[in-house]
Every structure is written in C-alpha cells, then in structure tokens.
C-alpha cells in the first residue's frame, strides 16, 4: 500500500485529505452549545421531578383524629 509520496518537499502542494476541512471550530461550537442546552434541559427536568416528588410527599393526608378517638 503506497500513498504516492516519495518526499516531503511536495507536501504544501497536497490538498485536504478529508471533506469539510477547517470546519472543526464550527463543529466544536455546535457540540459545546448542544452540551450546554442538554445540561440545562436535564437540570430543569430533574427539578420538575423533585418538585413532583416533594409535592406528593406534602399532599399525603394526615391521619385523621377520628381514627385515634376512643370507641363509643
């Protein structure tokens, strides 16, 4: 298997080896934006879930006083 290069003197004449060269910065910014949005969304969902759990815990009916009253 040969690359066709016999010396490094022609290296600047070579073109890019893969498509979209130079777009790494754009992809990095998109990825960082996605990560930030994902963590914000995940935090909001977890806070909603915690509020739901805490709300259910607070809304449990207290034992009624009639249950502890002496029998007539």
PDB file of N, CA and C in Angstrom:
ATOM      1  N   UNK A   1       0.855  -1.152   0.000  1.00  0.00           N
ATOM      2  CA  UNK A   1       0.000   0.000   0.000  1.00  0.00           C
ATOM      3  C   UNK A   1       0.912   1.230   0.000  1.00  0.00           C
ATOM      4  N   UNK A   2       0.679   2.118  -0.954  1.00  0.00           N
ATOM      5  CA  UNK A   2       1.524   3.295  -1.099  1.00  0.00           C
ATOM      6  C   UNK A   2       0.669   4.545  -1.164  1.00  0.00           C
ATOM      7  N   UNK A   3       1.177   5.632  -0.592  1.00  0.00           N
ATOM      8  CA  UNK A   3       0.462   6.913  -0.640  1.00  0.00           C
ATOM      9  C   UNK A   3       0.809   7.703  -1.887  1.00  0.00           C
ATOM     10  N   UNK A   4       1.853   7.348  -2.544  1.00  0.00           N
ATOM     11  CA  UNK A   4       2.280   8.068  -3.733  1.00  0.00           C
ATOM     12  C   UNK A   4       3.247   9.186  -3.423  1.00  0.00           C
ATOM     13  N   UNK A   5       3.598   9.392  -2.182  1.00  0.00           N
ATOM     14  CA  UNK A   5       4.568  10.417  -1.797  1.00  0.00           C
ATOM     15  C   UNK A   5       5.954   9.798  -1.733  1.00  0.00           C
ATOM     16  N   UNK A   6       6.891  10.441  -2.411  1.00  0.00           N
ATOM     17  CA  UNK A   6       8.261   9.949  -2.336  1.00  0.00           C
ATOM     18  C   UNK A   6       9.131  10.874  -1.499  1.00  0.00           C
ATOM     19  N   UNK A   7       8.686  12.149  -1.332  1.00  0.00           N
ATOM     20  CA  UNK A   7       9.421  13.072  -0.467  1.00  0.00           C
ATOM     21  C   UNK A   7       8.435  14.067   0.145  1.00  0.00           C
ATOM     22  N   UNK A   8       8.874  14.743   1.188  1.00  0.00           N
ATOM     23  CA  UNK A   8       8.018  15.708   1.850  1.00  0.00           C
ATOM     24  C   UNK A   8       8.120  17.101   1.231  1.00  0.00           C
ATOM     25  N   UNK A   9       8.895  17.260   0.178  1.00  0.00           N
ATOM     26  CA  UNK A   9       9.052  18.573  -0.435  1.00  0.00           C
ATOM     27  C   UNK A   9       7.766  19.029  -1.134  1.00  0.00           C
ATOM     28  N   UNK A  10       6.937  18.118  -1.565  1.00  0.00           N
ATOM     29  CA  UNK A  10       5.685  18.472  -2.234  1.00  0.00           C
ATOM     30  C   UNK A  10       4.494  18.503  -1.268  1.00  0.00           C
ATOM     31  N   UNK A  11       4.752  18.443   0.000  1.00  0.00           N
ATOM     32  CA  UNK A  11       3.690  18.398   0.998  1.00  0.00           C
ATOM     33  C   UNK A  11       2.762  19.618   0.947  1.00  0.00           C
ATOM     34  N   UNK A  12       3.261  20.856   0.799  1.00  0.00           N
ATOM     35  CA  UNK A  12       2.347  22.001   0.715  1.00  0.00           C
ATOM     36  C   UNK A  12       1.442  21.984  -0.516  1.00  0.00           C
ATOM     37  N   UNK A  13       1.809  21.231  -1.515  1.00  0.00           N
ATOM     38  CA  UNK A  13       1.001  21.163  -2.733  1.00  0.00           C
ATOM     39  C   UNK A  13      -0.195  20.224  -2.584  1.00  0.00           C
ATOM     40  N   UNK A  14      -0.182  19.421  -1.559  1.00  0.00           N
ATOM     41  CA  UNK A  14      -1.282  18.475  -1.362  1.00  0.00           C
ATOM     42  C   UNK A  14      -2.534  19.212  -0.923  1.00  0.00           C
ATOM     43  N   UNK A  15      -3.663  18.698  -1.317  1.00  0.00           N
ATOM     44  CA  UNK A  15      -4.939  19.278  -0.890  1.00  0.00           C
ATOM     45  C   UNK A  15      -5.384  18.594   0.396  1.00  0.00           C
ATOM     46  N   UNK A  16      -6.528  19.001   0.888  1.00  0.00           N
ATOM     47  CA  UNK A  16      -7.033  18.405   2.120  1.00  0.00           C
ATOM     48  C   UNK A  16      -7.308  16.924   1.917  1.00  0.00           C
ATOM     49  N   UNK A  17      -7.150  16.193   2.982  1.00  0.00           N
ATOM     50  CA  UNK A  17      -7.312  14.749   2.897  1.00  0.00           C
ATOM     51  C   UNK A  17      -8.720  14.295   3.236  1.00  0.00           C
ATOM     52  N   UNK A  18      -9.543  15.182   3.729  1.00  0.00           N
ATOM     53  CA  UNK A  18     -10.909  14.828   4.059  1.00  0.00           C
ATOM     54  C   UNK A  18     -11.813  16.030   3.791  1.00  0.00           C
ATOM     55  N   UNK A  19     -13.093  15.771   3.533  1.00  0.00           N
ATOM     56  CA  UNK A  19     -14.008  16.885   3.253  1.00  0.00           C
ATOM     57  C   UNK A  19     -14.282  17.709   4.508  1.00  0.00           C
ATOM     58  N   UNK A  20     -14.724  18.920   4.325  1.00  0.00           N
ATOM     59  CA  UNK A  20     -15.091  19.845   5.398  1.00  0.00           C
ATOM     60  C   UNK A  20     -13.900  20.226   6.273  1.00  0.00           C
ATOM     61  N   UNK A  21     -12.708  20.236   5.721  1.00  0.00           N
ATOM     62  CA  UNK A  21     -11.531  20.653   6.489  1.00  0.00           C
ATOM     63  C   UNK A  21     -11.677  22.121   6.844  1.00  0.00           C
ATOM     64  N   UNK A  22     -11.335  22.460   8.064  1.00  0.00           N
ATOM     65  CA  UNK A  22     -11.452  23.823   8.541  1.00  0.00           C
ATOM     66  C   UNK A  22     -12.753  24.089   9.266  1.00  0.00           C
ATOM     67  N   UNK A  23     -13.665  23.131   9.245  1.00  0.00           N
ATOM     68  CA  UNK A  23     -14.952  23.308   9.910  1.00  0.00           C
ATOM     69  C   UNK A  23     -14.935  22.753  11.333  1.00  0.00           C
ATOM     70  N   UNK A  24     -13.762  22.390  11.819  1.00  0.00           N
ATOM     71  CA  UNK A  24     -13.675  21.814  13.162  1.00  0.00           C
ATOM     72  C   UNK A  24     -14.139  22.796  14.223  1.00  0.00           C
ATOM     73  N   UNK A  25     -13.839  24.087  14.029  1.00  0.00           N
ATOM     74  CA  UNK A  25     -14.256  25.092  15.001  1.00  0.00           C
ATOM     75  C   UNK A  25     -15.774  25.215  15.048  1.00  0.00           C
ATOM     76  N   UNK A  26     -16.398  25.140  13.900  1.00  0.00           N
ATOM     77  CA  UNK A  26     -17.860  25.207  13.842  1.00  0.00           C
ATOM     78  C   UNK A  26     -18.464  23.993  14.551  1.00  0.00           C
ATOM     79  N   UNK A  27     -17.915  22.816  14.267  1.00  0.00           N
ATOM     80  CA  UNK A  27     -18.420  21.605  14.913  1.00  0.00           C
ATOM     81  C   UNK A  27     -18.202  21.651  16.426  1.00  0.00           C
ATOM     82  N   UNK A  28     -17.078  22.214  16.854  1.00  0.00           N
ATOM     83  CA  UNK A  28     -16.805  22.329  18.280  1.00  0.00           C
ATOM     84  C   UNK A  28     -17.807  23.257  18.954  1.00  0.00           C
ATOM     85  N   UNK A  29     -18.111  24.384  18.319  1.00  0.00           N
ATOM     86  CA  UNK A  29     -19.092  25.310  18.885  1.00  0.00           C
ATOM     87  C   UNK A  29     -20.486  24.684  18.929  1.00  0.00           C
ATOM     88  N   UNK A  30     -20.845  23.952  17.889  1.00  0.00           N
ATOM     89  CA  UNK A  30     -22.145  23.270  17.878  1.00  0.00           C
ATOM     90  C   UNK A  30     -22.205  22.241  18.998  1.00  0.00           C
ATOM     91  N   UNK A  31     -21.137  21.482  19.172  1.00  0.00           N
ATOM     92  CA  UNK A  31     -21.107  20.467  20.235  1.00  0.00           C
ATOM     93  C   UNK A  31     -21.183  21.106  21.612  1.00  0.00           C
ATOM     94  N   UNK A  32     -20.431  22.172  21.846  1.00  0.00           N
ATOM     95  CA  UNK A  32     -20.480  22.847  23.139  1.00  0.00           C
ATOM     96  C   UNK A  32     -21.865  23.435  23.407  1.00  0.00           C
ATOM     97  N   UNK A  33     -22.489  24.000  22.378  1.00  0.00           N
ATOM     98  CA  UNK A  33     -23.848  24.515  22.520  1.00  0.00           C
ATOM     99  C   UNK A  33     -24.825  23.410  22.870  1.00  0.00           C
ATOM    100  N   UNK A  34     -24.693  22.273  22.210  1.00  0.00           N
ATOM    101  CA  UNK A  34     -25.566  21.135  22.500  1.00  0.00           C
ATOM    102  C   UNK A  34     -25.384  20.667  23.937  1.00  0.00           C
ATOM    103  N   UNK A  35     -24.134  20.602  24.401  1.00  0.00           N
ATOM    104  CA  UNK A  35     -23.861  20.156  25.764  1.00  0.00           C
ATOM    105  C   UNK A  35     -24.497  21.106  26.779  1.00  0.00           C
ATOM    106  N   UNK A  36     -24.357  22.411  26.556  1.00  0.00           N
ATOM    107  CA  UNK A  36     -24.934  23.393  27.478  1.00  0.00           C
ATOM    108  C   UNK A  36     -26.452  23.274  27.501  1.00  0.00           C
ATOM    109  N   UNK A  37     -27.070  23.182  26.332  1.00  0.00           N
ATOM    110  CA  UNK A  37     -28.533  23.059  26.257  1.00  0.00           C
ATOM    111  C   UNK A  37     -28.986  21.751  26.900  1.00  0.00           C
ATOM    112  N   UNK A  38     -28.254  20.670  26.653  1.00  0.00           N
ATOM    113  CA  UNK A  38     -28.625  19.385  27.236  1.00  0.00           C
ATOM    114  C   UNK A  38     -28.594  19.432  28.758  1.00  0.00           C
ATOM    115  N   UNK A  39     -27.539  20.016  29.341  1.00  0.00           N
ATOM    116  CA  UNK A  39     -27.439  20.082  30.799  1.00  0.00           C
ATOM    117  C   UNK A  39     -28.504  21.005  31.386  1.00  0.00           C
ATOM    118  N   UNK A  40     -28.814  22.107  30.705  1.00  0.00           N
ATOM    119  CA  UNK A  40     -29.879  22.987  31.194  1.00  0.00           C
ATOM    120  C   UNK A  40     -31.224  22.255  31.160  1.00  0.00           C
ATOM    121  N   UNK A  41     -31.494  21.544  30.079  1.00  0.00           N
ATOM    122  CA  UNK A  41     -32.746  20.789  29.958  1.00  0.00           C
ATOM    123  C   UNK A  41     -32.805  19.678  31.001  1.00  0.00           C
ATOM    124  N   UNK A  42     -31.692  18.973  31.192  1.00  0.00           N
ATOM    125  CA  UNK A  42     -31.655  17.881  32.163  1.00  0.00           C
ATOM    126  C   UNK A  42     -31.886  18.417  33.578  1.00  0.00           C
ATOM    127  N   UNK A  43     -31.272  19.545  33.905  1.00  0.00           N
ATOM    128  CA  UNK A  43     -31.456  20.147  35.224  1.00  0.00           C
ATOM    129  C   UNK A  43     -32.906  20.562  35.441  1.00  0.00           C
ATOM    130  N   UNK A  44     -33.521  21.155  34.425  1.00  0.00           N
ATOM    131  CA  UNK A  44     -34.922  21.563  34.543  1.00  0.00           C
ATOM    132  C   UNK A  44     -35.824  20.349  34.735  1.00  0.00           C
ATOM    133  N   UNK A  45     -35.566  19.278  34.010  1.00  0.00           N
ATOM    134  CA  UNK A  45     -36.381  18.074  34.156  1.00  0.00           C
ATOM    135  C   UNK A  45     -36.210  17.455  35.541  1.00  0.00           C
ATOM    136  N   UNK A  46     -34.993  17.441  36.055  1.00  0.00           N
ATOM    137  CA  UNK A  46     -34.765  16.879  37.391  1.00  0.00           C
ATOM    138  C   UNK A  46     -35.424  17.738  38.458  1.00  0.00           C
ATOM    139  N   UNK A  47     -35.363  19.058  38.326  1.00  0.00           N
ATOM    140  CA  UNK A  47     -36.023  19.925  39.295  1.00  0.00           C
ATOM    141  C   UNK A  47     -37.533  19.716  39.267  1.00  0.00           C
ATOM    142  N   UNK A  48     -38.102  19.556  38.081  1.00  0.00           N
ATOM    143  CA  UNK A  48     -39.532  19.284  37.968  1.00  0.00           C
ATOM    144  C   UNK A  48     -39.882  17.963  38.640  1.00  0.00           C
ATOM    145  N   UNK A  49     -39.040  16.968  38.435  1.00  0.00           N
ATOM    146  CA  UNK A  49     -39.280  15.657  39.044  1.00  0.00           C
ATOM    147  C   UNK A  49     -39.186  15.746  40.566  1.00  0.00           C
ATOM    148  N   UNK A  50     -38.202  16.469  41.067  1.00  0.00           N
ATOM    149  CA  UNK A  50     -38.054  16.626  42.519  1.00  0.00           C
ATOM    150  C   UNK A  50     -39.250  17.368  43.099  1.00  0.00           C
ATOM    151  N   UNK A  51     -39.699  18.427  42.426  1.00  0.00           N
ATOM    152  CA  UNK A  51     -40.884  19.162  42.902  1.00  0.00           C
ATOM    153  C   UNK A  51     -42.112  18.271  42.910  1.00  0.00           C
ATOM    154  N   UNK A  52     -42.223  17.416  41.909  1.00  0.00           N
ATOM    155  CA  UNK A  52     -43.363  16.495  41.854  1.00  0.00           C
ATOM    156  C   UNK A  52     -43.305  15.519  43.030  1.00  0.00           C
ATOM    157  N   UNK A  53     -42.134  14.990  43.310  1.00  0.00           N
ATOM    158  CA  UNK A  53     -41.990  14.061  44.424  1.00  0.00           C
ATOM    159  C   UNK A  53     -42.274  14.770  45.747  1.00  0.00           C
ATOM    160  N   UNK A  54     -41.707  15.937  45.932  1.00  0.00           N
ATOM    161  CA  UNK A  54     -41.916  16.677  47.178  1.00  0.00           C
ATOM    162  C   UNK A  54     -43.377  17.096  47.320  1.00  0.00           C
ATOM    163  N   UNK A  55     -44.006  17.432  46.218  1.00  0.00           N
ATOM    164  CA  UNK A  55     -45.421  17.793  46.266  1.00  0.00           C
ATOM    165  C   UNK A  55     -46.281  16.614  46.664  1.00  0.00           C
ATOM    166  N   UNK A  56     -45.959  15.435  46.157  1.00  0.00           N
ATOM    167  CA  UNK A  56     -46.718  14.245  46.536  1.00  0.00           C
ATOM    168  C   UNK A  56     -46.482  13.907  48.005  1.00  0.00           C
ATOM    169  N   UNK A  57     -45.272  14.125  48.489  1.00  0.00           N
ATOM    170  CA  UNK A  57     -44.973  13.819  49.888  1.00  0.00           C
ATOM    171  C   UNK A  57     -45.720  14.767  50.826  1.00  0.00           C
ATOM    172  N   UNK A  58     -45.864  16.036  50.427  1.00  0.00           N
ATOM    173  CA  UNK A  58     -46.555  17.013  51.261  1.00  0.00           C
ATOM    174  C   UNK A  58     -48.067  16.862  51.181  1.00  0.00           C
ATOM    175  N   UNK A  59     -48.578  16.331  50.092  1.00  0.00           N
ATOM    176  CA  UNK A  59     -50.021  16.253  49.914  1.00  0.00           C
ATOM    177  C   UNK A  59     -50.623  14.964  50.482  1.00  0.00           C
ATOM    178  N   UNK A  60     -49.800  14.139  51.104  1.00  0.00           N
ATOM    179  CA  UNK A  60     -50.350  12.926  51.707  1.00  0.00           C
ATOM    180  C   UNK A  60     -51.275  13.325  52.851  1.00  0.00           C
ATOM    181  N   UNK A  61     -52.416  12.697  52.938  1.00  0.00           N
ATOM    182  CA  UNK A  61     -53.346  13.079  54.006  1.00  0.00           C
ATOM    183  C   UNK A  61     -52.780  12.705  55.369  1.00  0.00           C
ATOM    184  N   UNK A  62     -52.960  13.606  56.305  1.00  0.00           N
ATOM    185  CA  UNK A  62     -52.529  13.350  57.675  1.00  0.00           C
ATOM    186  C   UNK A  62     -53.524  12.383  58.293  1.00  0.00           C
ATOM    187  N   UNK A  63     -53.066  11.587  59.246  1.00  0.00           N
ATOM    188  CA  UNK A  63     -54.015  10.663  59.891  1.00  0.00           C
ATOM    189  C   UNK A  63     -55.106  11.454  60.596  1.00  0.00           C
ATOM    190  N   UNK A  64     -56.325  11.004  60.410  1.00  0.00           N
ATOM    191  CA  UNK A  64     -57.436  11.770  60.963  1.00  0.00           C
ATOM    192  C   UNK A  64     -57.509  11.544  62.478  1.00  0.00           C
ATOM    193  N   UNK A  65     -58.042  12.548  63.148  1.00  0.00           N
ATOM    194  CA  UNK A  65     -58.175  12.468  64.608  1.00  0.00           C
ATOM    195  C   UNK A  65     -59.228  11.426  64.984  1.00  0.00           C
ATOM    196  N   UNK A  66     -60.180  11.182  64.111  1.00  0.00           N
ATOM    197  CA  UNK A  66     -61.245  10.210  64.419  1.00  0.00           C
ATOM    198  C   UNK A  66     -60.677   8.815  64.534  1.00  0.00           C
ATOM    199  N   UNK A  67     -59.606   8.543  63.847  1.00  0.00           N
ATOM    200  CA  UNK A  67     -59.013   7.207  63.911  1.00  0.00           C
ATOM    201  C   UNK A  67     -58.421   6.951  65.286  1.00  0.00           C
ATOM    202  N   UNK A  68     -58.048   8.000  65.997  1.00  0.00           N
ATOM    203  CA  UNK A  68     -57.456   7.828  67.322  1.00  0.00           C
ATOM    204  C   UNK A  68     -58.434   8.075  68.453  1.00  0.00           C
ATOM    205  N   UNK A  69     -59.678   8.411  68.106  1.00  0.00           N
ATOM    206  CA  UNK A  69     -60.679   8.672  69.144  1.00  0.00           C
ATOM    207  C   UNK A  69     -61.091   7.351  69.817  1.00  0.00           C
ATOM    208  N   UNK A  70     -61.412   7.405  71.091  1.00  0.00           N
ATOM    209  CA  UNK A  70     -61.837   6.173  71.771  1.00  0.00           C
ATOM    210  C   UNK A  70     -63.189   5.701  71.205  1.00  0.00           C
ATOM    211  N   UNK A  71     -63.364   4.427  71.221  1.00  0.00           N
ATOM    212  CA  UNK A  71     -64.607   3.842  70.709  1.00  0.00           C
ATOM    213  C   UNK A  71     -65.765   4.212  71.630  1.00  0.00           C
ATOM    214  N   UNK A  72     -66.905   4.442  71.069  1.00  0.00           N
ATOM    215  CA  UNK A  72     -68.076   4.817  71.860  1.00  0.00           C
ATOM    216  C   UNK A  72     -68.818   3.624  72.337  1.00  0.00           C
TER     217      UNK A  72
END
